């Protein structure tokens, strides 16, 4: 599934963890502690991905950024799965029909799986 590196920086003066995603411009949030910051980061990531999908924009490819302040964050599972499903024909060279057959689902089920909150993912 899709996961993005996020930079977590503790702001001692505000006593919060600020979070931003280097791969996704404008995606940022914060939390009072590390666990809350991770939850908020997942929500922010989900929201920005849904916005990009709704606007027909490309979904940035996650980098492999690593470091002491980096945590890898996943969006909500429905969004992650729909993005994974959308990319399978491109990544595997299979047609949509072949992906349907591999998953053992009919066209209508595939279409429902590919939808996120009523928004059809745009294939790029």
PDB file of N, CA and C in Angstrom:
ATOM      1  N   UNK A   1       0.836  -1.190   0.000  1.00  0.00           N
ATOM      2  CA  UNK A   1       0.000   0.000   0.000  1.00  0.00           C
ATOM      3  C   UNK A   1       0.877   1.248   0.000  1.00  0.00           C
ATOM      4  N   UNK A   2       0.272   2.352  -0.273  1.00  0.00           N
ATOM      5  CA  UNK A   2       1.005   3.609  -0.387  1.00  0.00           C
ATOM      6  C   UNK A   2       1.298   4.181   1.004  1.00  0.00           C
ATOM      7  N   UNK A   3       2.537   4.635   1.178  1.00  0.00           N
ATOM      8  CA  UNK A   3       2.973   5.241   2.440  1.00  0.00           C
ATOM      9  C   UNK A   3       3.929   6.375   2.112  1.00  0.00           C
ATOM     10  N   UNK A   4       3.842   7.442   2.883  1.00  0.00           N
ATOM     11  CA  UNK A   4       4.682   8.610   2.659  1.00  0.00           C
ATOM     12  C   UNK A   4       5.525   8.919   3.889  1.00  0.00           C
ATOM     13  N   UNK A   5       6.776   9.350   3.668  1.00  0.00           N
ATOM     14  CA  UNK A   5       7.582   9.798   4.798  1.00  0.00           C
ATOM     15  C   UNK A   5       7.092  11.174   5.267  1.00  0.00           C
ATOM     16  N   UNK A   6       7.047  11.333   6.571  1.00  0.00           N
ATOM     17  CA  UNK A   6       6.642  12.612   7.157  1.00  0.00           C
ATOM     18  C   UNK A   6       7.705  13.041   8.162  1.00  0.00           C
ATOM     19  N   UNK A   7       7.973  14.336   8.193  1.00  0.00           N
ATOM     20  CA  UNK A   7       8.948  14.890   9.121  1.00  0.00           C
ATOM     21  C   UNK A   7       8.202  15.352  10.371  1.00  0.00           C
ATOM     22  N   UNK A   8       8.633  14.834  11.521  1.00  0.00           N
ATOM     23  CA  UNK A   8       8.050  15.188  12.809  1.00  0.00           C
ATOM     24  C   UNK A   8       9.078  16.018  13.572  1.00  0.00           C
ATOM     25  N   UNK A   9       8.697  17.242  13.927  1.00  0.00           N
ATOM     26  CA  UNK A   9       9.606  18.120  14.664  1.00  0.00           C
ATOM     27  C   UNK A   9       8.905  18.616  15.917  1.00  0.00           C
ATOM     28  N   UNK A  10       9.560  18.419  17.048  1.00  0.00           N
ATOM     29  CA  UNK A  10       8.971  18.873  18.307  1.00  0.00           C
ATOM     30  C   UNK A  10       9.251  20.354  18.494  1.00  0.00           C
ATOM     31  N   UNK A  11       8.204  21.120  18.750  1.00  0.00           N
ATOM     32  CA  UNK A  11       8.304  22.549  19.021  1.00  0.00           C
ATOM     33  C   UNK A  11       8.143  22.736  20.529  1.00  0.00           C
ATOM     34  N   UNK A  12       9.264  22.917  21.224  1.00  0.00           N
ATOM     35  CA  UNK A  12       9.251  23.008  22.686  1.00  0.00           C
ATOM     36  C   UNK A  12       8.461  24.224  23.180  1.00  0.00           C
ATOM     37  N   UNK A  13       8.502  25.327  22.433  1.00  0.00           N
ATOM     38  CA  UNK A  13       7.793  26.525  22.876  1.00  0.00           C
ATOM     39  C   UNK A  13       6.273  26.335  22.817  1.00  0.00           C
ATOM     40  N   UNK A  14       5.795  25.590  21.839  1.00  0.00           N
ATOM     41  CA  UNK A  14       4.355  25.335  21.702  1.00  0.00           C
ATOM     42  C   UNK A  14       3.953  23.995  22.319  1.00  0.00           C
ATOM     43  N   UNK A  15       4.946  23.156  22.624  1.00  0.00           N
ATOM     44  CA  UNK A  15       4.749  21.817  23.163  1.00  0.00           C
ATOM     45  C   UNK A  15       3.862  20.958  22.263  1.00  0.00           C
ATOM     46  N   UNK A  16       4.196  20.974  20.971  1.00  0.00           N
ATOM     47  CA  UNK A  16       3.499  20.150  19.978  1.00  0.00           C
ATOM     48  C   UNK A  16       4.508  19.557  19.007  1.00  0.00           C
ATOM     49  N   UNK A  17       4.084  18.503  18.337  1.00  0.00           N
ATOM     50  CA  UNK A  17       4.852  17.933  17.232  1.00  0.00           C
ATOM     51  C   UNK A  17       4.261  18.479  15.937  1.00  0.00           C
ATOM     52  N   UNK A  18       5.067  19.224  15.192  1.00  0.00           N
ATOM     53  CA  UNK A  18       4.664  19.693  13.876  1.00  0.00           C
ATOM     54  C   UNK A  18       5.055  18.623  12.865  1.00  0.00           C
ATOM     55  N   UNK A  19       4.181  18.397  11.895  1.00  0.00           N
ATOM     56  CA  UNK A  19       4.396  17.351  10.900  1.00  0.00           C
ATOM     57  C   UNK A  19       4.201  17.939   9.509  1.00  0.00           C
ATOM     58  N   UNK A  20       5.111  17.593   8.602  1.00  0.00           N
ATOM     59  CA  UNK A  20       4.897  17.943   7.196  1.00  0.00           C
ATOM     60  C   UNK A  20       5.408  16.809   6.312  1.00  0.00           C
ATOM     61  N   UNK A  21       4.838  16.732   5.109  1.00  0.00           N
ATOM     62  CA  UNK A  21       5.168  15.704   4.137  1.00  0.00           C
ATOM     63  C   UNK A  21       5.982  16.342   3.008  1.00  0.00           C
ATOM     64  N   UNK A  22       7.281  16.045   2.925  1.00  0.00           N
ATOM     65  CA  UNK A  22       8.118  16.649   1.894  1.00  0.00           C
ATOM     66  C   UNK A  22       7.650  16.341   0.463  1.00  0.00           C
ATOM     67  N   UNK A  23       6.996  15.204   0.270  1.00  0.00           N
ATOM     68  CA  UNK A  23       6.559  14.810  -1.072  1.00  0.00           C
ATOM     69  C   UNK A  23       5.252  15.471  -1.505  1.00  0.00           C
ATOM     70  N   UNK A  24       4.533  16.055  -0.543  1.00  0.00           N
ATOM     71  CA  UNK A  24       3.216  16.625  -0.854  1.00  0.00           C
ATOM     72  C   UNK A  24       3.157  18.056  -0.328  1.00  0.00           C
ATOM     73  N   UNK A  25       3.333  18.981  -1.221  1.00  0.00           N
ATOM     74  CA  UNK A  25       3.343  20.397  -0.856  1.00  0.00           C
ATOM     75  C   UNK A  25       2.046  20.782  -0.146  1.00  0.00           C
ATOM     76  N   UNK A  26       2.199  21.446   0.986  1.00  0.00           N
ATOM     77  CA  UNK A  26       1.041  21.953   1.720  1.00  0.00           C
ATOM     78  C   UNK A  26       0.383  20.966   2.660  1.00  0.00           C
ATOM     79  N   UNK A  27       0.882  19.746   2.722  1.00  0.00           N
ATOM     80  CA  UNK A  27       0.290  18.752   3.623  1.00  0.00           C
ATOM     81  C   UNK A  27       1.030  18.809   4.949  1.00  0.00           C
ATOM     82  N   UNK A  28       0.352  19.348   5.968  1.00  0.00           N
ATOM     83  CA  UNK A  28       0.979  19.494   7.277  1.00  0.00           C
ATOM     84  C   UNK A  28      -0.090  19.439   8.359  1.00  0.00           C
ATOM     85  N   UNK A  29       0.360  19.132   9.569  1.00  0.00           N
ATOM     86  CA  UNK A  29      -0.538  19.067  10.711  1.00  0.00           C
ATOM     87  C   UNK A  29       0.299  19.115  11.982  1.00  0.00           C
ATOM     88  N   UNK A  30      -0.317  18.856  13.121  1.00  0.00           N
ATOM     89  CA  UNK A  30       0.430  18.813  14.379  1.00  0.00           C
ATOM     90  C   UNK A  30      -0.337  17.954  15.371  1.00  0.00           C
ATOM     91  N   UNK A  31       0.324  17.623  16.480  1.00  0.00           N
ATOM     92  CA  UNK A  31      -0.325  16.873  17.549  1.00  0.00           C
ATOM     93  C   UNK A  31       0.351  17.184  18.873  1.00  0.00           C
ATOM     94  N   UNK A  32      -0.403  17.036  19.948  1.00  0.00           N
ATOM     95  CA  UNK A  32       0.127  17.327  21.284  1.00  0.00           C
ATOM     96  C   UNK A  32       1.191  16.332  21.730  1.00  0.00           C
ATOM     97  N   UNK A  33       1.109  15.110  21.221  1.00  0.00           N
ATOM     98  CA  UNK A  33       2.135  14.104  21.500  1.00  0.00           C
ATOM     99  C   UNK A  33       2.386  13.324  20.212  1.00  0.00           C
ATOM    100  N   UNK A  34       3.360  12.442  20.248  1.00  0.00           N
ATOM    101  CA  UNK A  34       3.756  11.732  19.028  1.00  0.00           C
ATOM    102  C   UNK A  34       2.622  10.875  18.475  1.00  0.00           C
ATOM    103  N   UNK A  35       1.894  10.167  19.331  1.00  0.00           N
ATOM    104  CA  UNK A  35       0.786   9.331  18.856  1.00  0.00           C
ATOM    105  C   UNK A  35      -0.305  10.164  18.194  1.00  0.00           C
ATOM    106  N   UNK A  36      -0.659  11.273  18.823  1.00  0.00           N
ATOM    107  CA  UNK A  36      -1.681  12.134  18.230  1.00  0.00           C
ATOM    108  C   UNK A  36      -1.172  12.728  16.921  1.00  0.00           C
ATOM    109  N   UNK A  37       0.086  13.111  16.868  1.00  0.00           N
ATOM    110  CA  UNK A  37       0.655  13.673  15.643  1.00  0.00           C
ATOM    111  C   UNK A  37       0.611  12.652  14.503  1.00  0.00           C
ATOM    112  N   UNK A  38       0.865  11.382  14.821  1.00  0.00           N
ATOM    113  CA  UNK A  38       0.790  10.329  13.790  1.00  0.00           C
ATOM    114  C   UNK A  38      -0.643  10.154  13.296  1.00  0.00           C
ATOM    115  N   UNK A  39      -1.610  10.157  14.211  1.00  0.00           N
ATOM    116  CA  UNK A  39      -3.025  10.044  13.801  1.00  0.00           C
ATOM    117  C   UNK A  39      -3.435  11.226  12.940  1.00  0.00           C
ATOM    118  N   UNK A  40      -3.037  12.406  13.367  1.00  0.00           N
ATOM    119  CA  UNK A  40      -3.381  13.610  12.609  1.00  0.00           C
ATOM    120  C   UNK A  40      -2.698  13.603  11.243  1.00  0.00           C
ATOM    121  N   UNK A  41      -1.476  13.082  11.186  1.00  0.00           N
ATOM    122  CA  UNK A  41      -0.756  13.001   9.914  1.00  0.00           C
ATOM    123  C   UNK A  41      -1.479  12.078   8.950  1.00  0.00           C
ATOM    124  N   UNK A  42      -1.984  10.958   9.437  1.00  0.00           N
ATOM    125  CA  UNK A  42      -2.734  10.043   8.580  1.00  0.00           C
ATOM    126  C   UNK A  42      -4.005  10.713   8.055  1.00  0.00           C
ATOM    127  N   UNK A  43      -4.696  11.438   8.919  1.00  0.00           N
ATOM    128  CA  UNK A  43      -5.900  12.156   8.498  1.00  0.00           C
ATOM    129  C   UNK A  43      -5.570  13.235   7.470  1.00  0.00           C
ATOM    130  N   UNK A  44      -4.494  13.990   7.711  1.00  0.00           N
ATOM    131  CA  UNK A  44      -4.101  15.043   6.764  1.00  0.00           C
ATOM    132  C   UNK A  44      -3.718  14.434   5.419  1.00  0.00           C
ATOM    133  N   UNK A  45      -2.971  13.342   5.443  1.00  0.00           N
ATOM    134  CA  UNK A  45      -2.573  12.662   4.217  1.00  0.00           C
ATOM    135  C   UNK A  45      -3.791  12.159   3.454  1.00  0.00           C
ATOM    136  N   UNK A  46      -4.722  11.560   4.167  1.00  0.00           N
ATOM    137  CA  UNK A  46      -5.953  11.073   3.533  1.00  0.00           C
ATOM    138  C   UNK A  46      -6.694  12.233   2.879  1.00  0.00           C
ATOM    139  N   UNK A  47      -6.828  13.325   3.599  1.00  0.00           N
ATOM    140  CA  UNK A  47      -7.549  14.485   3.071  1.00  0.00           C
ATOM    141  C   UNK A  47      -6.909  15.069   1.825  1.00  0.00           C
ATOM    142  N   UNK A  48      -5.588  15.193   1.843  1.00  0.00           N
ATOM    143  CA  UNK A  48      -4.921  15.785   0.676  1.00  0.00           C
ATOM    144  C   UNK A  48      -4.992  14.846  -0.518  1.00  0.00           C
ATOM    145  N   UNK A  49      -4.872  13.542  -0.290  1.00  0.00           N
ATOM    146  CA  UNK A  49      -4.986  12.590  -1.402  1.00  0.00           C
ATOM    147  C   UNK A  49      -6.383  12.621  -2.005  1.00  0.00           C
ATOM    148  N   UNK A  50      -7.401  12.690  -1.152  1.00  0.00           N
ATOM    149  CA  UNK A  50      -8.772  12.791  -1.666  1.00  0.00           C
ATOM    150  C   UNK A  50      -8.978  14.078  -2.460  1.00  0.00           C
ATOM    151  N   UNK A  51      -8.373  15.164  -1.992  1.00  0.00           N
ATOM    152  CA  UNK A  51      -8.472  16.435  -2.717  1.00  0.00           C
ATOM    153  C   UNK A  51      -7.792  16.336  -4.078  1.00  0.00           C
ATOM    154  N   UNK A  52      -6.605  15.750  -4.109  1.00  0.00           N
ATOM    155  CA  UNK A  52      -5.898  15.573  -5.379  1.00  0.00           C
ATOM    156  C   UNK A  52      -6.706  14.707  -6.338  1.00  0.00           C
ATOM    157  N   UNK A  53      -7.306  13.645  -5.806  1.00  0.00           N
ATOM    158  CA  UNK A  53      -8.140  12.761  -6.625  1.00  0.00           C
ATOM    159  C   UNK A  53      -9.326  13.537  -7.188  1.00  0.00           C
ATOM    160  N   UNK A  54     -10.023  14.279  -6.324  1.00  0.00           N
ATOM    161  CA  UNK A  54     -11.213  15.026  -6.738  1.00  0.00           C
ATOM    162  C   UNK A  54     -10.889  16.063  -7.801  1.00  0.00           C
ATOM    163  N   UNK A  55      -9.695  16.641  -7.735  1.00  0.00           N
ATOM    164  CA  UNK A  55      -9.307  17.664  -8.701  1.00  0.00           C
ATOM    165  C   UNK A  55      -8.627  17.082  -9.939  1.00  0.00           C
ATOM    166  N   UNK A  56      -8.482  15.751  -9.963  1.00  0.00           N
ATOM    167  CA  UNK A  56      -7.861  15.110 -11.121  1.00  0.00           C
ATOM    168  C   UNK A  56      -6.369  15.335 -11.215  1.00  0.00           C
ATOM    169  N   UNK A  57      -5.747  15.626 -10.100  1.00  0.00           N
ATOM    170  CA  UNK A  57      -4.298  15.873 -10.077  1.00  0.00           C
ATOM    171  C   UNK A  57      -3.543  14.562  -9.915  1.00  0.00           C
ATOM    172  N   UNK A  58      -2.292  14.582 -10.314  1.00  0.00           N
ATOM    173  CA  UNK A  58      -1.431  13.419 -10.131  1.00  0.00           C
ATOM    174  C   UNK A  58      -1.168  13.196  -8.651  1.00  0.00           C
ATOM    175  N   UNK A  59      -1.062  11.941  -8.279  1.00  0.00           N
ATOM    176  CA  UNK A  59      -0.706  11.573  -6.911  1.00  0.00           C
ATOM    177  C   UNK A  59       0.815  11.468  -6.865  1.00  0.00           C
ATOM    178  N   UNK A  60       1.485  12.259  -6.015  1.00  0.00           N
ATOM    179  CA  UNK A  60       2.949  12.205  -5.957  1.00  0.00           C
ATOM    180  C   UNK A  60       3.450  10.821  -5.545  1.00  0.00           C
ATOM    181  N   UNK A  61       4.556  10.428  -6.136  1.00  0.00           N
ATOM    182  CA  UNK A  61       5.197   9.170  -5.761  1.00  0.00           C
ATOM    183  C   UNK A  61       5.924   9.376  -4.438  1.00  0.00           C
ATOM    184  N   UNK A  62       5.701   8.480  -3.471  1.00  0.00           N
ATOM    185  CA  UNK A  62       6.392   8.628  -2.183  1.00  0.00           C
ATOM    186  C   UNK A  62       7.901   8.431  -2.339  1.00  0.00           C
ATOM    187  N   UNK A  63       8.668   9.247  -1.645  1.00  0.00           N
ATOM    188  CA  UNK A  63      10.117   9.097  -1.659  1.00  0.00           C
ATOM    189  C   UNK A  63      10.521   8.077  -0.597  1.00  0.00           C
ATOM    190  N   UNK A  64      11.805   7.816  -0.526  1.00  0.00           N
ATOM    191  CA  UNK A  64      12.330   6.873   0.474  1.00  0.00           C
ATOM    192  C   UNK A  64      13.126   7.621   1.544  1.00  0.00           C
ATOM    193  N   UNK A  65      12.717   8.838   1.818  1.00  0.00           N
ATOM    194  CA  UNK A  65      13.383   9.680   2.808  1.00  0.00           C
ATOM    195  C   UNK A  65      13.462   8.958   4.155  1.00  0.00           C
ATOM    196  N   UNK A  66      14.626   9.013   4.770  1.00  0.00           N
ATOM    197  CA  UNK A  66      14.834   8.364   6.063  1.00  0.00           C
ATOM    198  C   UNK A  66      15.548   9.331   7.001  1.00  0.00           C
ATOM    199  N   UNK A  67      15.419   9.085   8.290  1.00  0.00           N
ATOM    200  CA  UNK A  67      16.101   9.903   9.277  1.00  0.00           C
ATOM    201  C   UNK A  67      15.449   9.767  10.633  1.00  0.00           C
ATOM    202  N   UNK A  68      16.080  10.354  11.626  1.00  0.00           N
ATOM    203  CA  UNK A  68      15.601  10.229  13.004  1.00  0.00           C
ATOM    204  C   UNK A  68      14.234  10.874  13.201  1.00  0.00           C
ATOM    205  N   UNK A  69      13.932  11.912  12.451  1.00  0.00           N
ATOM    206  CA  UNK A  69      12.654  12.611  12.627  1.00  0.00           C
ATOM    207  C   UNK A  69      11.603  12.180  11.602  1.00  0.00           C
ATOM    208  N   UNK A  70      11.917  11.158  10.809  1.00  0.00           N
ATOM    209  CA  UNK A  70      11.010  10.697   9.753  1.00  0.00           C
ATOM    210  C   UNK A  70      10.193   9.508  10.246  1.00  0.00           C
ATOM    211  N   UNK A  71       8.886   9.580  10.038  1.00  0.00           N
ATOM    212  CA  UNK A  71       7.978   8.454  10.293  1.00  0.00           C
ATOM    213  C   UNK A  71       7.202   8.226   9.005  1.00  0.00           C
ATOM    214  N   UNK A  72       7.014   6.966   8.655  1.00  0.00           N
ATOM    215  CA  UNK A  72       6.258   6.630   7.447  1.00  0.00           C
ATOM    216  C   UNK A  72       4.776   6.556   7.816  1.00  0.00           C
ATOM    217  N   UNK A  73       3.952   7.267   7.045  1.00  0.00           N
ATOM    218  CA  UNK A  73       2.531   7.398   7.358  1.00  0.00           C
ATOM    219  C   UNK A  73       1.687   6.856   6.196  1.00  0.00           C
ATOM    220  N   UNK A  74       0.641   6.122   6.545  1.00  0.00           N
ATOM    221  CA  UNK A  74      -0.313   5.597   5.564  1.00  0.00           C
ATOM    222  C   UNK A  74      -1.607   6.402   5.634  1.00  0.00           C
ATOM    223  N   UNK A  75      -2.256   6.594   4.486  1.00  0.00           N
ATOM    224  CA  UNK A  75      -3.601   7.185   4.521  1.00  0.00           C
ATOM    225  C   UNK A  75      -4.588   6.121   5.003  1.00  0.00           C
ATOM    226  N   UNK A  76      -5.847   6.498   5.152  1.00  0.00           N
ATOM    227  CA  UNK A  76      -6.872   5.535   5.525  1.00  0.00           C
ATOM    228  C   UNK A  76      -6.861   4.383   4.520  1.00  0.00           C
ATOM    229  N   UNK A  77      -7.176   3.193   4.982  1.00  0.00           N
ATOM    230  CA  UNK A  77      -7.061   1.982   4.171  1.00  0.00           C
ATOM    231  C   UNK A  77      -7.887   2.028   2.892  1.00  0.00           C
ATOM    232  N   UNK A  78      -9.080   2.646   2.930  1.00  0.00           N
ATOM    233  CA  UNK A  78      -9.901   2.703   1.725  1.00  0.00           C
ATOM    234  C   UNK A  78      -9.212   3.498   0.626  1.00  0.00           C
ATOM    235  N   UNK A  79      -8.565   4.578   0.994  1.00  0.00           N
ATOM    236  CA  UNK A  79      -7.852   5.406   0.019  1.00  0.00           C
ATOM    237  C   UNK A  79      -6.605   4.685  -0.470  1.00  0.00           C
ATOM    238  N   UNK A  80      -5.855   4.087   0.444  1.00  0.00           N
ATOM    239  CA  UNK A  80      -4.633   3.370   0.073  1.00  0.00           C
ATOM    240  C   UNK A  80      -4.957   2.221  -0.876  1.00  0.00           C
ATOM    241  N   UNK A  81      -6.006   1.468  -0.577  1.00  0.00           N
ATOM    242  CA  UNK A  81      -6.362   0.335  -1.433  1.00  0.00           C
ATOM    243  C   UNK A  81      -6.824   0.800  -2.807  1.00  0.00           C
ATOM    244  N   UNK A  82      -7.647   1.833  -2.844  1.00  0.00           N
ATOM    245  CA  UNK A  82      -8.133   2.328  -4.132  1.00  0.00           C
ATOM    246  C   UNK A  82      -6.976   2.825  -5.001  1.00  0.00           C
ATOM    247  N   UNK A  83      -6.000   3.489  -4.399  1.00  0.00           N
ATOM    248  CA  UNK A  83      -4.828   3.941  -5.154  1.00  0.00           C
ATOM    249  C   UNK A  83      -3.998   2.751  -5.632  1.00  0.00           C
ATOM    250  N   UNK A  84      -3.840   1.737  -4.783  1.00  0.00           N
ATOM    251  CA  UNK A  84      -3.118   0.527  -5.165  1.00  0.00           C
ATOM    252  C   UNK A  84      -3.823  -0.143  -6.340  1.00  0.00           C
ATOM    253  N   UNK A  85      -5.136  -0.275  -6.233  1.00  0.00           N
ATOM    254  CA  UNK A  85      -5.916  -0.929  -7.288  1.00  0.00           C
ATOM    255  C   UNK A  85      -5.815  -0.163  -8.598  1.00  0.00           C
ATOM    256  N   UNK A  86      -5.885   1.139  -8.517  1.00  0.00           N
ATOM    257  CA  UNK A  86      -5.794   1.971  -9.718  1.00  0.00           C
ATOM    258  C   UNK A  86      -4.465   1.771 -10.434  1.00  0.00           C
ATOM    259  N   UNK A  87      -3.392   1.563  -9.663  1.00  0.00           N
ATOM    260  CA  UNK A  87      -2.061   1.469 -10.249  1.00  0.00           C
ATOM    261  C   UNK A  87      -1.693   0.080 -10.760  1.00  0.00           C
ATOM    262  N   UNK A  88      -2.483  -0.930 -10.440  1.00  0.00           N
ATOM    263  CA  UNK A  88      -2.112  -2.289 -10.813  1.00  0.00           C
ATOM    264  C   UNK A  88      -1.990  -2.510 -12.322  1.00  0.00           C
ATOM    265  N   UNK A  89      -2.932  -2.056 -13.138  1.00  0.00           N
ATOM    266  CA  UNK A  89      -2.745  -2.265 -14.580  1.00  0.00           C
ATOM    267  C   UNK A  89      -1.454  -1.629 -15.106  1.00  0.00           C
ATOM    268  N   UNK A  90      -1.136  -0.441 -14.615  1.00  0.00           N
ATOM    269  CA  UNK A  90       0.071   0.258 -15.059  1.00  0.00           C
ATOM    270  C   UNK A  90       1.332  -0.461 -14.582  1.00  0.00           C
ATOM    271  N   UNK A  91       1.356  -0.874 -13.310  1.00  0.00           N
ATOM    272  CA  UNK A  91       2.547  -1.501 -12.731  1.00  0.00           C
ATOM    273  C   UNK A  91       2.787  -2.912 -13.246  1.00  0.00           C
ATOM    274  N   UNK A  92       1.718  -3.650 -13.484  1.00  0.00           N
ATOM    275  CA  UNK A  92       1.864  -5.051 -13.872  1.00  0.00           C
ATOM    276  C   UNK A  92       1.782  -5.274 -15.369  1.00  0.00           C
ATOM    277  N   UNK A  93       1.297  -4.279 -16.098  1.00  0.00           N
ATOM    278  CA  UNK A  93       1.105  -4.444 -17.530  1.00  0.00           C
ATOM    279  C   UNK A  93      -0.165  -5.214 -17.857  1.00  0.00           C
ATOM    280  N   UNK A  94      -0.934  -5.531 -16.823  1.00  0.00           N
ATOM    281  CA  UNK A  94      -2.189  -6.256 -17.040  1.00  0.00           C
ATOM    282  C   UNK A  94      -3.288  -5.272 -17.424  1.00  0.00           C
ATOM    283  N   UNK A  95      -4.268  -5.774 -18.129  1.00  0.00           N
ATOM    284  CA  UNK A  95      -5.441  -4.961 -18.425  1.00  0.00           C
ATOM    285  C   UNK A  95      -6.331  -4.940 -17.188  1.00  0.00           C
ATOM    286  N   UNK A  96      -7.298  -4.029 -17.188  1.00  0.00           N
ATOM    287  CA  UNK A  96      -8.238  -3.982 -16.066  1.00  0.00           C
ATOM    288  C   UNK A  96      -8.961  -5.316 -15.944  1.00  0.00           C
ATOM    289  N   UNK A  97      -9.325  -5.904 -17.052  1.00  0.00           N
ATOM    290  CA  UNK A  97     -10.009  -7.198 -17.042  1.00  0.00           C
ATOM    291  C   UNK A  97      -9.131  -8.276 -16.412  1.00  0.00           C
ATOM    292  N   UNK A  98      -7.851  -8.268 -16.723  1.00  0.00           N
ATOM    293  CA  UNK A  98      -6.930  -9.245 -16.134  1.00  0.00           C
ATOM    294  C   UNK A  98      -6.797  -9.033 -14.620  1.00  0.00           C
ATOM    295  N   UNK A  99      -6.780  -7.773 -14.181  1.00  0.00           N
ATOM    296  CA  UNK A  99      -6.729  -7.497 -12.742  1.00  0.00           C
ATOM    297  C   UNK A  99      -8.012  -8.010 -12.089  1.00  0.00           C
ATOM    298  N   UNK A 100      -9.157  -7.755 -12.721  1.00  0.00           N
ATOM    299  CA  UNK A 100     -10.433  -8.255 -12.196  1.00  0.00           C
ATOM    300  C   UNK A 100     -10.394  -9.767 -12.050  1.00  0.00           C
ATOM    301  N   UNK A 101      -9.903 -10.447 -13.095  1.00  0.00           N
ATOM    302  CA  UNK A 101      -9.831 -11.906 -13.066  1.00  0.00           C
ATOM    303  C   UNK A 101      -8.889 -12.389 -11.962  1.00  0.00           C
ATOM    304  N   UNK A 102      -7.747 -11.717 -11.798  1.00  0.00           N
ATOM    305  CA  UNK A 102      -6.787 -12.099 -10.765  1.00  0.00           C
ATOM    306  C   UNK A 102      -7.392 -11.939  -9.374  1.00  0.00           C
ATOM    307  N   UNK A 103      -8.136 -10.860  -9.175  1.00  0.00           N
ATOM    308  CA  UNK A 103      -8.790 -10.624  -7.885  1.00  0.00           C
ATOM    309  C   UNK A 103     -10.043 -11.477  -7.709  1.00  0.00           C
ATOM    310  N   UNK A 104     -10.541 -12.019  -8.820  1.00  0.00           N
ATOM    311  CA  UNK A 104     -11.755 -12.829  -8.760  1.00  0.00           C
ATOM    312  C   UNK A 104     -13.001 -12.006  -8.559  1.00  0.00           C
ATOM    313  N   UNK A 105     -13.035 -10.816  -9.158  1.00  0.00           N
ATOM    314  CA  UNK A 105     -14.204  -9.944  -9.025  1.00  0.00           C
ATOM    315  C   UNK A 105     -14.728  -9.557 -10.402  1.00  0.00           C
ATOM    316  N   UNK A 106     -15.985  -9.218 -10.446  1.00  0.00           N
ATOM    317  CA  UNK A 106     -16.614  -8.764 -11.686  1.00  0.00           C
ATOM    318  C   UNK A 106     -16.356  -7.265 -11.869  1.00  0.00           C
ATOM    319  N   UNK A 107     -16.621  -6.788 -13.080  1.00  0.00           N
ATOM    320  CA  UNK A 107     -16.386  -5.391 -13.445  1.00  0.00           C
ATOM    321  C   UNK A 107     -17.032  -4.428 -12.446  1.00  0.00           C
ATOM    322  N   UNK A 108     -18.301  -4.686 -12.077  1.00  0.00           N
ATOM    323  CA  UNK A 108     -19.026  -3.778 -11.187  1.00  0.00           C
ATOM    324  C   UNK A 108     -18.360  -3.712  -9.803  1.00  0.00           C
ATOM    325  N   UNK A 109     -17.887  -4.847  -9.315  1.00  0.00           N
ATOM    326  CA  UNK A 109     -17.215  -4.865  -8.016  1.00  0.00           C
ATOM    327  C   UNK A 109     -15.902  -4.096  -8.108  1.00  0.00           C
ATOM    328  N   UNK A 110     -15.161  -4.308  -9.197  1.00  0.00           N
ATOM    329  CA  UNK A 110     -13.904  -3.587  -9.409  1.00  0.00           C
ATOM    330  C   UNK A 110     -14.165  -2.083  -9.379  1.00  0.00           C
ATOM    331  N   UNK A 111     -15.210  -1.656 -10.078  1.00  0.00           N
ATOM    332  CA  UNK A 111     -15.533  -0.227 -10.119  1.00  0.00           C
ATOM    333  C   UNK A 111     -15.854   0.304  -8.728  1.00  0.00           C
ATOM    334  N   UNK A 112     -16.594  -0.477  -7.928  1.00  0.00           N
ATOM    335  CA  UNK A 112     -16.912  -0.030  -6.561  1.00  0.00           C
ATOM    336  C   UNK A 112     -15.651   0.043  -5.704  1.00  0.00           C
ATOM    337  N   UNK A 113     -14.755  -0.935  -5.868  1.00  0.00           N
ATOM    338  CA  UNK A 113     -13.517  -0.927  -5.106  1.00  0.00           C
ATOM    339  C   UNK A 113     -12.627   0.251  -5.476  1.00  0.00           C
ATOM    340  N   UNK A 114     -12.695   0.649  -6.741  1.00  0.00           N
ATOM    341  CA  UNK A 114     -11.841   1.729  -7.220  1.00  0.00           C
ATOM    342  C   UNK A 114     -12.365   3.101  -6.802  1.00  0.00           C
ATOM    343  N   UNK A 115     -13.585   3.126  -6.315  1.00  0.00           N
ATOM    344  CA  UNK A 115     -14.165   4.408  -5.891  1.00  0.00           C
ATOM    345  C   UNK A 115     -13.818   4.695  -4.439  1.00  0.00           C
ATOM    346  N   UNK A 116     -13.546   5.936  -4.168  1.00  0.00           N
ATOM    347  CA  UNK A 116     -13.252   6.372  -2.803  1.00  0.00           C
ATOM    348  C   UNK A 116     -14.259   7.460  -2.452  1.00  0.00           C
ATOM    349  N   UNK A 117     -15.128   7.143  -1.495  1.00  0.00           N
ATOM    350  CA  UNK A 117     -16.133   8.110  -1.050  1.00  0.00           C
ATOM    351  C   UNK A 117     -16.879   8.732  -2.233  1.00  0.00           C
ATOM    352  N   UNK A 118     -17.251   7.875  -3.190  1.00  0.00           N
ATOM    353  CA  UNK A 118     -18.020   8.332  -4.342  1.00  0.00           C
ATOM    354  C   UNK A 118     -17.186   8.992  -5.418  1.00  0.00           C
ATOM    355  N   UNK A 119     -15.883   9.037  -5.264  1.00  0.00           N
ATOM    356  CA  UNK A 119     -14.996   9.711  -6.212  1.00  0.00           C
ATOM    357  C   UNK A 119     -14.216   8.670  -6.995  1.00  0.00           C
ATOM    358  N   UNK A 120     -14.394   8.605  -8.318  1.00  0.00           N
ATOM    359  CA  UNK A 120     -13.655   7.637  -9.108  1.00  0.00           C
ATOM    360  C   UNK A 120     -12.233   8.130  -9.281  1.00  0.00           C
ATOM    361  N   UNK A 121     -11.289   7.250  -9.049  1.00  0.00           N
ATOM    362  CA  UNK A 121      -9.892   7.602  -9.212  1.00  0.00           C
ATOM    363  C   UNK A 121      -9.564   7.741 -10.678  1.00  0.00           C
ATOM    364  N   UNK A 122      -8.812   8.744 -11.022  1.00  0.00           N
ATOM    365  CA  UNK A 122      -8.439   8.995 -12.398  1.00  0.00           C
ATOM    366  C   UNK A 122      -7.149   8.248 -12.702  1.00  0.00           C
ATOM    367  N   UNK A 123      -7.168   7.457 -13.738  1.00  0.00           N
ATOM    368  CA  UNK A 123      -5.987   6.711 -14.130  1.00  0.00           C
ATOM    369  C   UNK A 123      -5.059   7.636 -14.905  1.00  0.00           C
ATOM    370  N   UNK A 124      -3.804   7.678 -14.489  1.00  0.00           N
ATOM    371  CA  UNK A 124      -2.832   8.535 -15.172  1.00  0.00           C
ATOM    372  C   UNK A 124      -1.863   7.694 -15.961  1.00  0.00           C
TER     373      UNK A 124
END
